[in-house]
């Protein structure tokens, strides 16, 4: 018997046999306590969370994996979230939420102009 029209295996983790795939989030935050709290709460809401603690880790994750959402800090140790946002926006239409301590209107406008979908101040 020849099998045709095979369905490829799902690429996202299933929570059980009857559940739909988990939505994936890239969390880019270098402040460890905040990162851990956000990750825990997102996982409790059944999201699959990938962690990045600096811009280089974020860029590597973005280039090798699909995400349904990116939560991005602006002030990162090795680069800034604005550059990461611009890089990511060139490759994907995935929503980006900037979560940052920078509260100036000019910073918010810059983030939105570079492709962020929302800008939330910590």
Protein backbone atom coordinates (compact mmCIF):
# COMPACT_ATOMS: atom_id res chain seq x y z
CA UNK A 1 0.00 0.00 0.00
CA UNK A 2 1.42 3.39 -1.02
CA UNK A 3 0.83 6.31 1.33
CA UNK A 4 0.29 9.66 -0.34
CA UNK A 5 -0.67 13.09 0.94
CA UNK A 6 1.04 12.62 4.27
CA UNK A 7 0.54 15.44 6.73
CA UNK A 8 3.79 16.86 8.14
CA UNK A 9 4.36 16.66 11.86
CA UNK A 10 3.35 19.76 13.82
CA UNK A 11 6.17 22.20 14.46
CA UNK A 12 4.74 23.58 17.70
CA UNK A 13 4.47 21.71 20.97
CA UNK A 14 1.01 20.35 21.70
CA UNK A 15 -0.27 20.57 25.26
CA UNK A 16 -2.20 17.29 24.87
CA UNK A 17 -3.52 15.11 22.09
CA UNK A 18 -6.72 17.20 21.79
CA UNK A 19 -5.26 20.66 22.27
CA UNK A 20 -4.08 23.11 19.67
CA UNK A 21 -0.40 24.10 19.47
CA UNK A 22 0.94 26.49 22.07
CA UNK A 23 1.55 30.04 20.90
CA UNK A 24 5.26 30.89 21.01
CA UNK A 25 6.71 34.06 22.49
CA UNK A 26 10.26 35.36 22.35
CA UNK A 27 10.94 37.23 25.61
CA UNK A 28 13.93 39.58 25.35
CA UNK A 29 14.65 41.06 28.78
CA UNK A 30 18.00 41.32 30.58
CA UNK A 31 16.63 42.17 34.02
CA UNK A 32 16.56 38.68 35.52
CA UNK A 33 13.81 39.12 38.13
CA UNK A 34 11.43 40.75 35.65
CA UNK A 35 12.31 38.19 32.98
CA UNK A 36 11.59 35.28 35.30
CA UNK A 37 8.29 36.77 36.50
CA UNK A 38 7.08 37.46 32.96
CA UNK A 39 8.15 34.02 31.75
CA UNK A 40 6.42 32.25 34.64
CA UNK A 41 3.17 34.12 34.10
CA UNK A 42 3.20 33.54 30.35
CA UNK A 43 3.88 29.83 30.83
CA UNK A 44 1.05 29.62 33.38
CA UNK A 45 -1.19 31.00 30.61
CA UNK A 46 0.03 28.13 28.40
CA UNK A 47 2.43 30.03 26.14
CA UNK A 48 5.69 28.52 24.99
CA UNK A 49 8.38 31.06 25.97
CA UNK A 50 11.87 31.30 24.52
CA UNK A 51 14.24 33.44 26.59
CA UNK A 52 16.86 35.88 25.37
CA UNK A 53 18.82 38.10 27.75
CA UNK A 54 20.60 40.28 25.19
CA UNK A 55 20.36 41.45 21.60
CA UNK A 56 22.67 38.79 20.17
CA UNK A 57 20.62 35.97 21.71
CA UNK A 58 17.44 37.58 20.38
CA UNK A 59 18.80 37.92 16.85
CA UNK A 60 19.95 34.28 16.83
CA UNK A 61 16.53 33.11 18.04
CA UNK A 62 14.72 35.28 15.49
CA UNK A 63 16.81 33.90 12.64
CA UNK A 64 16.23 30.23 13.50
CA UNK A 65 12.69 30.03 14.89
CA UNK A 66 9.17 31.34 14.27
CA UNK A 67 7.42 33.27 17.05
CA UNK A 68 3.81 34.39 17.40
CA UNK A 69 4.87 37.40 19.49
CA UNK A 70 8.06 39.17 20.55
CA UNK A 71 8.27 41.04 23.87
CA UNK A 72 11.33 43.24 23.62
CA UNK A 73 13.20 45.45 26.09
CA UNK A 74 15.00 48.47 24.63
CA UNK A 75 17.96 48.72 26.99
CA UNK A 76 19.96 45.52 26.49
CA UNK A 77 23.57 44.92 27.57
CA UNK A 78 25.13 44.41 24.14
CA UNK A 79 22.80 46.30 21.79
CA UNK A 80 19.51 48.09 21.91
CA UNK A 81 16.01 46.85 21.34
CA UNK A 82 15.46 49.42 18.61
CA UNK A 83 18.10 47.70 16.44
CA UNK A 84 16.67 44.26 17.25
CA UNK A 85 13.17 45.52 16.38
CA UNK A 86 14.32 46.89 13.01
CA UNK A 87 16.18 43.65 12.21
CA UNK A 88 13.20 41.51 13.11
CA UNK A 89 10.70 43.69 11.26
CA UNK A 90 12.68 43.24 8.02
CA UNK A 91 12.11 39.47 8.29
CA UNK A 92 8.64 39.11 9.76
CA UNK A 93 5.23 40.64 10.39
CA UNK A 94 5.08 38.99 13.84
CA UNK A 95 3.77 41.44 16.46
CA UNK A 96 6.41 43.14 18.60
CA UNK A 97 5.64 44.67 21.99
CA UNK A 98 8.40 46.87 23.36
CA UNK A 99 8.50 46.71 27.16
CA UNK A 100 10.92 49.29 28.49
CA UNK A 101 11.80 51.81 31.16
CA UNK A 102 12.25 54.50 28.49
CA UNK A 103 9.14 56.63 28.73
CA UNK A 104 9.94 59.63 26.50
CA UNK A 105 7.53 60.24 23.66
CA UNK A 106 10.46 60.33 21.26
CA UNK A 107 11.51 56.79 22.32
CA UNK A 108 7.96 55.53 21.89
CA UNK A 109 7.71 57.10 18.44
CA UNK A 110 11.08 55.64 17.46
CA UNK A 111 9.98 52.15 18.50
CA UNK A 112 6.71 52.40 16.62
CA UNK A 113 8.40 53.83 13.53
CA UNK A 114 10.86 50.92 13.51
CA UNK A 115 7.99 48.45 13.46
CA UNK A 116 6.88 47.78 17.01
CA UNK A 117 3.15 47.17 17.32
CA UNK A 118 2.94 48.53 20.85
CA UNK A 119 5.20 50.25 23.38
CA UNK A 120 4.62 49.64 27.09
CA UNK A 121 6.54 51.45 29.82
CA UNK A 122 7.65 49.38 32.85
